[in-house]
Amino acid sequence: MEYRHHAYDVANDLLDRISLHLANRLQRQGYRKLPIPASKRAVVDSRFVAVFSHKLVAHLAGPEWIGKSCLLITPEAGPRVR
């Protein structure tokens, strides 16, 4: 169980660093940027809520869809995306 949480934290850290690197490159090209942390959550009324829905943005930006399981589904990887 601990390894799974550690791997999750390591993956989130890597995603955050990639996001920051890409946002900085976009800013140098004149674009506005706002990198959103991979798994930033808050507790509201004793529920976990996300600051920003990466899943919804991916769905709106391309051919991905949200399946019956509430997972993001892509044509290339199916539900195996992070």
PDB file of N, CA and C in Angstrom:
ATOM      1  N   MET A   1       0.817  -1.191   0.000  1.00  0.00           N
ATOM      2  CA  MET A   1       0.000   0.000   0.000  1.00  0.00           C
ATOM      3  C   MET A   1       0.864   1.260   0.000  1.00  0.00           C
ATOM      4  N   GLU A   2       1.920   1.275   0.813  1.00  0.00           N
ATOM      5  CA  GLU A   2       2.786   2.449   0.865  1.00  0.00           C
ATOM      6  C   GLU A   2       3.471   2.702  -0.466  1.00  0.00           C
ATOM      7  N   TYR A   3       3.910   1.618  -1.141  1.00  0.00           N
ATOM      8  CA  TYR A   3       4.577   1.788  -2.428  1.00  0.00           C
ATOM      9  C   TYR A   3       3.652   2.438  -3.437  1.00  0.00           C
ATOM     10  N   ARG A   4       2.390   2.027  -3.444  1.00  0.00           N
ATOM     11  CA  ARG A   4       1.437   2.587  -4.398  1.00  0.00           C
ATOM     12  C   ARG A   4       1.277   4.081  -4.169  1.00  0.00           C
ATOM     13  N   HIS A   5       1.178   4.504  -2.902  1.00  0.00           N
ATOM     14  CA  HIS A   5       1.048   5.929  -2.611  1.00  0.00           C
ATOM     15  C   HIS A   5       2.334   6.667  -2.965  1.00  0.00           C
ATOM     16  N   HIS A   6       3.489   6.047  -2.719  1.00  0.00           N
ATOM     17  CA  HIS A   6       4.761   6.666  -3.074  1.00  0.00           C
ATOM     18  C   HIS A   6       4.864   6.827  -4.590  1.00  0.00           C
ATOM     19  N   ALA A   7       4.512   5.780  -5.334  1.00  0.00           N
ATOM     20  CA  ALA A   7       4.566   5.849  -6.802  1.00  0.00           C
ATOM     21  C   ALA A   7       3.617   6.929  -7.307  1.00  0.00           C
ATOM     22  N   TYR A   8       2.451   7.047  -6.703  1.00  0.00           N
ATOM     23  CA  TYR A   8       1.484   8.072  -7.086  1.00  0.00           C
ATOM     24  C   TYR A   8       2.076   9.463  -6.859  1.00  0.00           C
ATOM     25  N   ASP A   9       2.727   9.659  -5.709  1.00  0.00           N
ATOM     26  CA  ASP A   9       3.350  10.950  -5.410  1.00  0.00           C
ATOM     27  C   ASP A   9       4.498  11.248  -6.371  1.00  0.00           C
ATOM     28  N   VAL A  10       5.301  10.243  -6.699  1.00  0.00           N
ATOM     29  CA  VAL A  10       6.413  10.433  -7.635  1.00  0.00           C
ATOM     30  C   VAL A  10       5.870  10.801  -9.022  1.00  0.00           C
ATOM     31  N   ALA A  11       4.825  10.099  -9.457  1.00  0.00           N
ATOM     32  CA  ALA A  11       4.232  10.409 -10.763  1.00  0.00           C
ATOM     33  C   ALA A  11       3.662  11.823 -10.782  1.00  0.00           C
ATOM     34  N   ASN A  12       2.976  12.222  -9.710  1.00  0.00           N
ATOM     35  CA  ASN A  12       2.431  13.584  -9.649  1.00  0.00           C
ATOM     36  C   ASN A  12       3.535  14.625  -9.681  1.00  0.00           C
ATOM     37  N   ASP A  13       4.627  14.372  -8.973  1.00  0.00           N
ATOM     38  CA  ASP A  13       5.745  15.304  -8.975  1.00  0.00           C
ATOM     39  C   ASP A  13       6.324  15.451 -10.376  1.00  0.00           C
ATOM     40  N   LEU A  14       6.486  14.327 -11.075  1.00  0.00           N
ATOM     41  CA  LEU A  14       7.003  14.374 -12.445  1.00  0.00           C
ATOM     42  C   LEU A  14       6.047  15.130 -13.366  1.00  0.00           C
ATOM     43  N   LEU A  15       4.759  14.853 -13.258  1.00  0.00           N
ATOM     44  CA  LEU A  15       3.771  15.566 -14.074  1.00  0.00           C
ATOM     45  C   LEU A  15       3.784  17.063 -13.784  1.00  0.00           C
ATOM     46  N   ASP A  16       3.940  17.433 -12.517  1.00  0.00           N
ATOM     47  CA  ASP A  16       3.999  18.854 -12.158  1.00  0.00           C
ATOM     48  C   ASP A  16       5.230  19.527 -12.759  1.00  0.00           C
ATOM     49  N   ARG A  17       6.379  18.836 -12.729  1.00  0.00           N
ATOM     50  CA  ARG A  17       7.600  19.420 -13.304  1.00  0.00           C
ATOM     51  C   ARG A  17       7.488  19.559 -14.814  1.00  0.00           C
ATOM     52  N   ILE A  18       6.900  18.574 -15.484  1.00  0.00           N
ATOM     53  CA  ILE A  18       6.699  18.658 -16.940  1.00  0.00           C
ATOM     54  C   ILE A  18       5.758  19.812 -17.262  1.00  0.00           C
ATOM     55  N   SER A  19       4.676  19.932 -16.507  1.00  0.00           N
ATOM     56  CA  SER A  19       3.708  21.005 -16.717  1.00  0.00           C
ATOM     57  C   SER A  19       4.363  22.381 -16.561  1.00  0.00           C
ATOM     58  N   LEU A  20       5.175  22.535 -15.526  1.00  0.00           N
ATOM     59  CA  LEU A  20       5.858  23.811 -15.298  1.00  0.00           C
ATOM     60  C   LEU A  20       6.841  24.113 -16.423  1.00  0.00           C
ATOM     61  N   HIS A  21       7.575  23.104 -16.876  1.00  0.00           N
ATOM     62  CA  HIS A  21       8.531  23.285 -17.976  1.00  0.00           C
ATOM     63  C   HIS A  21       7.805  23.726 -19.253  1.00  0.00           C
ATOM     64  N   LEU A  22       6.706  23.051 -19.593  1.00  0.00           N
ATOM     65  CA  LEU A  22       5.947  23.422 -20.790  1.00  0.00           C
ATOM     66  C   LEU A  22       5.327  24.806 -20.665  1.00  0.00           C
ATOM     67  N   ALA A  23       4.815  25.127 -19.472  1.00  0.00           N
ATOM     68  CA  ALA A  23       4.227  26.452 -19.264  1.00  0.00           C
ATOM     69  C   ALA A  23       5.279  27.544 -19.421  1.00  0.00           C
ATOM     70  N   ASN A  24       6.482  27.309 -18.919  1.00  0.00           N
ATOM     71  CA  ASN A  24       7.551  28.301 -19.078  1.00  0.00           C
ATOM     72  C   ASN A  24       7.939  28.483 -20.536  1.00  0.00           C
ATOM     73  N   ARG A  25       7.982  27.390 -21.298  1.00  0.00           N
ATOM     74  CA  ARG A  25       8.279  27.504 -22.735  1.00  0.00           C
ATOM     75  C   ARG A  25       7.199  28.297 -23.454  1.00  0.00           C
ATOM     76  N   LEU A  26       5.942  28.043 -23.111  1.00  0.00           N
ATOM     77  CA  LEU A  26       4.845  28.792 -23.722  1.00  0.00           C
ATOM     78  C   LEU A  26       4.905  30.269 -23.351  1.00  0.00           C
ATOM     79  N   GLN A  27       5.252  30.563 -22.108  1.00  0.00           N
ATOM     80  CA  GLN A  27       5.345  31.952 -21.689  1.00  0.00           C
ATOM     81  C   GLN A  27       6.452  32.676 -22.448  1.00  0.00           C
ATOM     82  N   ARG A  28       7.580  32.027 -22.666  1.00  0.00           N
ATOM     83  CA  ARG A  28       8.669  32.652 -23.434  1.00  0.00           C
ATOM     84  C   ARG A  28       8.254  32.944 -24.873  1.00  0.00           C
ATOM     85  N   GLN A  29       7.265  32.199 -25.389  1.00  0.00           N
ATOM     86  CA  GLN A  29       6.770  32.432 -26.749  1.00  0.00           C
ATOM     87  C   GLN A  29       5.642  33.457 -26.779  1.00  0.00           C
ATOM     88  N   GLY A  30       5.323  34.040 -25.614  1.00  0.00           N
ATOM     89  CA  GLY A  30       4.331  35.107 -25.570  1.00  0.00           C
ATOM     90  C   GLY A  30       2.939  34.682 -25.144  1.00  0.00           C
ATOM     91  N   TYR A  31       2.757  33.425 -24.837  1.00  0.00           N
ATOM     92  CA  TYR A  31       1.440  32.953 -24.398  1.00  0.00           C
ATOM     93  C   TYR A  31       1.274  33.158 -22.898  1.00  0.00           C
ATOM     94  N   ARG A  32       0.027  33.297 -22.474  1.00  0.00           N
ATOM     95  CA  ARG A  32      -0.261  33.323 -21.045  1.00  0.00           C
ATOM     96  C   ARG A  32      -0.303  31.877 -20.568  1.00  0.00           C
ATOM     97  N   LYS A  33       0.068  31.654 -19.316  1.00  0.00           N
ATOM     98  CA  LYS A  33       0.138  30.277 -18.826  1.00  0.00           C
ATOM     99  C   LYS A  33      -0.370  30.195 -17.400  1.00  0.00           C
ATOM    100  N   LEU A  34      -0.858  29.023 -17.055  1.00  0.00           N
ATOM    101  CA  LEU A  34      -1.260  28.742 -15.698  1.00  0.00           C
ATOM    102  C   LEU A  34      -1.135  27.228 -15.480  1.00  0.00           C
ATOM    103  N   PRO A  35       0.040  26.774 -15.041  1.00  0.00           N
ATOM    104  CA  PRO A  35       0.173  25.331 -14.803  1.00  0.00           C
ATOM    105  C   PRO A  35      -0.640  24.924 -13.578  1.00  0.00           C
ATOM    106  N   ILE A  36      -1.407  23.867 -13.714  1.00  0.00           N
ATOM    107  CA  ILE A  36      -2.251  23.362 -12.634  1.00  0.00           C
ATOM    108  C   ILE A  36      -1.611  22.094 -12.078  1.00  0.00           C
ATOM    109  N   PRO A  37      -1.415  21.999 -10.779  1.00  0.00           N
ATOM    110  CA  PRO A  37      -0.813  20.783 -10.203  1.00  0.00           C
ATOM    111  C   PRO A  37      -1.609  19.529 -10.572  1.00  0.00           C
ATOM    112  N   ALA A  38      -0.905  18.417 -10.703  1.00  0.00           N
ATOM    113  CA  ALA A  38      -1.510  17.166 -11.157  1.00  0.00           C
ATOM    114  C   ALA A  38      -2.612  16.662 -10.246  1.00  0.00           C
ATOM    115  N   SER A  39      -2.477  16.835  -8.969  1.00  0.00           N
ATOM    116  CA  SER A  39      -3.465  16.237  -8.075  1.00  0.00           C
ATOM    117  C   SER A  39      -3.731  17.134  -6.874  1.00  0.00           C
ATOM    118  N   LYS A  40      -3.918  18.402  -7.120  1.00  0.00           N
ATOM    119  CA  LYS A  40      -4.210  19.338  -6.039  1.00  0.00           C
ATOM    120  C   LYS A  40      -5.685  19.209  -5.681  1.00  0.00           C
ATOM    121  N   ARG A  41      -5.955  18.890  -4.425  1.00  0.00           N
ATOM    122  CA  ARG A  41      -7.336  18.717  -3.990  1.00  0.00           C
ATOM    123  C   ARG A  41      -7.583  19.528  -2.730  1.00  0.00           C
ATOM    124  N   ALA A  42      -8.832  19.828  -2.514  1.00  0.00           N
ATOM    125  CA  ALA A  42      -9.244  20.526  -1.296  1.00  0.00           C
ATOM    126  C   ALA A  42     -10.401  19.746  -0.681  1.00  0.00           C
ATOM    127  N   VAL A  43     -10.693  20.019   0.553  1.00  0.00           N
ATOM    128  CA  VAL A  43     -11.830  19.389   1.212  1.00  0.00           C
ATOM    129  C   VAL A  43     -12.886  20.462   1.414  1.00  0.00           C
ATOM    130  N   VAL A  44     -14.057  20.242   0.836  1.00  0.00           N
ATOM    131  CA  VAL A  44     -15.177  21.166   0.954  1.00  0.00           C
ATOM    132  C   VAL A  44     -16.364  20.366   1.461  1.00  0.00           C
ATOM    133  N   ASP A  45     -16.915  20.781   2.572  1.00  0.00           N
ATOM    134  CA  ASP A  45     -18.055  20.073   3.173  1.00  0.00           C
ATOM    135  C   ASP A  45     -17.768  18.579   3.312  1.00  0.00           C
ATOM    136  N   SER A  46     -16.576  18.260   3.800  1.00  0.00           N
ATOM    137  CA  SER A  46     -16.109  16.886   4.024  1.00  0.00           C
ATOM    138  C   SER A  46     -16.055  16.035   2.751  1.00  0.00           C
ATOM    139  N   ARG A  47     -15.940  16.678   1.578  1.00  0.00           N
ATOM    140  CA  ARG A  47     -15.766  15.962   0.312  1.00  0.00           C
ATOM    141  C   ARG A  47     -14.467  16.444  -0.316  1.00  0.00           C
ATOM    142  N   PHE A  48     -13.754  15.530  -1.007  1.00  0.00           N
ATOM    143  CA  PHE A  48     -12.588  15.936  -1.772  1.00  0.00           C
ATOM    144  C   PHE A  48     -13.057  16.525  -3.084  1.00  0.00           C
ATOM    145  N   VAL A  49     -12.555  17.701  -3.423  1.00  0.00           N
ATOM    146  CA  VAL A  49     -12.891  18.329  -4.702  1.00  0.00           C
ATOM    147  C   VAL A  49     -11.598  18.777  -5.364  1.00  0.00           C
ATOM    148  N   ALA A  50     -11.566  18.660  -6.675  1.00  0.00           N
ATOM    149  CA  ALA A  50     -10.386  19.059  -7.435  1.00  0.00           C
ATOM    150  C   ALA A  50     -10.436  20.558  -7.704  1.00  0.00           C
ATOM    151  N   VAL A  51      -9.270  21.159  -7.809  1.00  0.00           N
ATOM    152  CA  VAL A  51      -9.184  22.571  -8.152  1.00  0.00           C
ATOM    153  C   VAL A  51      -9.519  22.760  -9.627  1.00  0.00           C
ATOM    154  N   PHE A  52      -9.167  21.756 -10.443  1.00  0.00           N
ATOM    155  CA  PHE A  52      -9.294  21.856 -11.891  1.00  0.00           C
ATOM    156  C   PHE A  52      -9.469  20.448 -12.441  1.00  0.00           C
ATOM    157  N   SER A  53     -10.372  20.241 -13.355  1.00  0.00           N
ATOM    158  CA  SER A  53     -10.612  18.907 -13.906  1.00  0.00           C
ATOM    159  C   SER A  53      -9.791  18.683 -15.165  1.00  0.00           C
ATOM    160  N   HIS A  54      -8.656  17.998 -15.015  1.00  0.00           N
ATOM    161  CA  HIS A  54      -7.837  17.659 -16.174  1.00  0.00           C
ATOM    162  C   HIS A  54      -8.603  16.728 -17.120  1.00  0.00           C
ATOM    163  N   LYS A  55      -9.408  15.857 -16.543  1.00  0.00           N
ATOM    164  CA  LYS A  55     -10.187  14.911 -17.344  1.00  0.00           C
ATOM    165  C   LYS A  55     -11.177  15.643 -18.250  1.00  0.00           C
ATOM    166  N   LEU A  56     -11.860  16.639 -17.716  1.00  0.00           N
ATOM    167  CA  LEU A  56     -12.827  17.388 -18.515  1.00  0.00           C
ATOM    168  C   LEU A  56     -12.132  18.162 -19.627  1.00  0.00           C
ATOM    169  N   VAL A  57     -11.009  18.780 -19.333  1.00  0.00           N
ATOM    170  CA  VAL A  57     -10.281  19.531 -20.362  1.00  0.00           C
ATOM    171  C   VAL A  57      -9.800  18.608 -21.478  1.00  0.00           C
ATOM    172  N   ALA A  58      -9.277  17.431 -21.112  1.00  0.00           N
ATOM    173  CA  ALA A  58      -8.839  16.473 -22.131  1.00  0.00           C
ATOM    174  C   ALA A  58     -10.014  16.055 -23.007  1.00  0.00           C
ATOM    175  N   HIS A  59     -11.153  15.835 -22.393  1.00  0.00           N
ATOM    176  CA  HIS A  59     -12.354  15.457 -23.142  1.00  0.00           C
ATOM    177  C   HIS A  59     -12.767  16.569 -24.105  1.00  0.00           C
ATOM    178  N   LEU A  60     -12.755  17.805 -23.642  1.00  0.00           N
ATOM    179  CA  LEU A  60     -13.179  18.929 -24.479  1.00  0.00           C
ATOM    180  C   LEU A  60     -12.170  19.267 -25.572  1.00  0.00           C
ATOM    181  N   ALA A  61     -10.903  18.903 -25.360  1.00  0.00           N
ATOM    182  CA  ALA A  61      -9.856  19.288 -26.302  1.00  0.00           C
ATOM    183  C   ALA A  61      -9.659  18.299 -27.441  1.00  0.00           C
ATOM    184  N   GLY A  62     -10.172  17.105 -27.341  1.00  0.00           N
ATOM    185  CA  GLY A  62      -9.854  16.140 -28.377  1.00  0.00           C
ATOM    186  C   GLY A  62     -10.860  15.025 -28.503  1.00  0.00           C
ATOM    187  N   PRO A  63     -10.424  13.923 -29.095  1.00  0.00           N
ATOM    188  CA  PRO A  63     -11.346  12.807 -29.361  1.00  0.00           C
ATOM    189  C   PRO A  63     -11.595  11.924 -28.144  1.00  0.00           C
ATOM    190  N   GLU A  64     -11.087  12.306 -26.977  1.00  0.00           N
ATOM    191  CA  GLU A  64     -11.282  11.512 -25.775  1.00  0.00           C
ATOM    192  C   GLU A  64     -12.725  11.654 -25.281  1.00  0.00           C
ATOM    193  N   TRP A  65     -13.169  10.688 -24.524  1.00  0.00           N
ATOM    194  CA  TRP A  65     -14.493  10.771 -23.927  1.00  0.00           C
ATOM    195  C   TRP A  65     -14.437  10.216 -22.511  1.00  0.00           C
ATOM    196  N   ILE A  66     -15.456  10.524 -21.737  1.00  0.00           N
ATOM    197  CA  ILE A  66     -15.549  10.029 -20.374  1.00  0.00           C
ATOM    198  C   ILE A  66     -16.525   8.860 -20.398  1.00  0.00           C
ATOM    199  N   GLY A  67     -16.038   7.684 -20.009  1.00  0.00           N
ATOM    200  CA  GLY A  67     -16.826   6.459 -20.092  1.00  0.00           C
ATOM    201  C   GLY A  67     -17.801   6.293 -18.937  1.00  0.00           C
ATOM    202  N   LYS A  68     -18.549   5.197 -18.983  1.00  0.00           N
ATOM    203  CA  LYS A  68     -19.522   4.888 -17.922  1.00  0.00           C
ATOM    204  C   LYS A  68     -18.838   4.724 -16.572  1.00  0.00           C
ATOM    205  N   SER A  69     -17.568   4.344 -16.601  1.00  0.00           N
ATOM    206  CA  SER A  69     -16.811   4.166 -15.362  1.00  0.00           C
ATOM    207  C   SER A  69     -16.277   5.488 -14.810  1.00  0.00           C
ATOM    208  N   CYS A  70     -16.569   6.598 -15.496  1.00  0.00           N
ATOM    209  CA  CYS A  70     -16.083   7.936 -15.154  1.00  0.00           C
ATOM    210  C   CYS A  70     -14.586   8.086 -15.390  1.00  0.00           C
ATOM    211  N   LEU A  71     -13.991   7.154 -16.143  1.00  0.00           N
ATOM    212  CA  LEU A  71     -12.588   7.276 -16.530  1.00  0.00           C
ATOM    213  C   LEU A  71     -12.503   7.960 -17.881  1.00  0.00           C
ATOM    214  N   LEU A  72     -11.394   8.663 -18.108  1.00  0.00           N
ATOM    215  CA  LEU A  72     -11.133   9.244 -19.417  1.00  0.00           C
ATOM    216  C   LEU A  72     -10.719   8.113 -20.350  1.00  0.00           C
ATOM    217  N   ILE A  73     -11.328   8.032 -21.528  1.00  0.00           N
ATOM    218  CA  ILE A  73     -11.038   6.989 -22.503  1.00  0.00           C
ATOM    219  C   ILE A  73     -10.414   7.652 -23.723  1.00  0.00           C
ATOM    220  N   THR A  74      -9.286   7.121 -24.200  1.00  0.00           N
ATOM    221  CA  THR A  74      -8.656   7.637 -25.411  1.00  0.00           C
ATOM    222  C   THR A  74      -8.638   6.549 -26.475  1.00  0.00           C
ATOM    223  N   PRO A  75      -8.654   6.928 -27.765  1.00  0.00           N
ATOM    224  CA  PRO A  75      -8.602   5.919 -28.814  1.00  0.00           C
ATOM    225  C   PRO A  75      -7.320   5.067 -28.757  1.00  0.00           C
ATOM    226  N   GLU A  76      -6.205   5.662 -28.356  1.00  0.00           N
ATOM    227  CA  GLU A  76      -4.932   4.943 -28.362  1.00  0.00           C
ATOM    228  C   GLU A  76      -4.741   4.056 -27.131  1.00  0.00           C
ATOM    229  N   ALA A  77      -5.101   4.550 -25.948  1.00  0.00           N
ATOM    230  CA  ALA A  77      -4.779   3.842 -24.704  1.00  0.00           C
ATOM    231  C   ALA A  77      -5.994   3.335 -23.940  1.00  0.00           C
ATOM    232  N   GLY A  78      -7.187   3.604 -24.443  1.00  0.00           N
ATOM    233  CA  GLY A  78      -8.373   3.192 -23.699  1.00  0.00           C
ATOM    234  C   GLY A  78      -8.443   3.944 -22.378  1.00  0.00           C
ATOM    235  N   PRO A  79      -8.742   3.247 -21.278  1.00  0.00           N
ATOM    236  CA  PRO A  79      -8.837   3.923 -19.990  1.00  0.00           C
ATOM    237  C   PRO A  79      -7.501   4.013 -19.252  1.00  0.00           C
ATOM    238  N   ARG A  80      -6.420   3.541 -19.873  1.00  0.00           N
ATOM    239  CA  ARG A  80      -5.127   3.492 -19.192  1.00  0.00           C
ATOM    240  C   ARG A  80      -4.328   4.775 -19.416  1.00  0.00           C
ATOM    241  N   VAL A  81      -4.883   5.880 -18.971  1.00  0.00           N
ATOM    242  CA  VAL A  81      -4.201   7.175 -19.088  1.00  0.00           C
ATOM    243  C   VAL A  81      -4.120   7.833 -17.722  1.00  0.00           C
ATOM    244  N   ARG A  82      -3.153   8.665 -17.569  1.00  0.00           N
ATOM    245  CA  ARG A  82      -2.976   9.371 -16.297  1.00  0.00           C
ATOM    246  C   ARG A  82      -2.813  10.834 -16.612  1.00  0.00           C
TER     247      ARG A  82
END
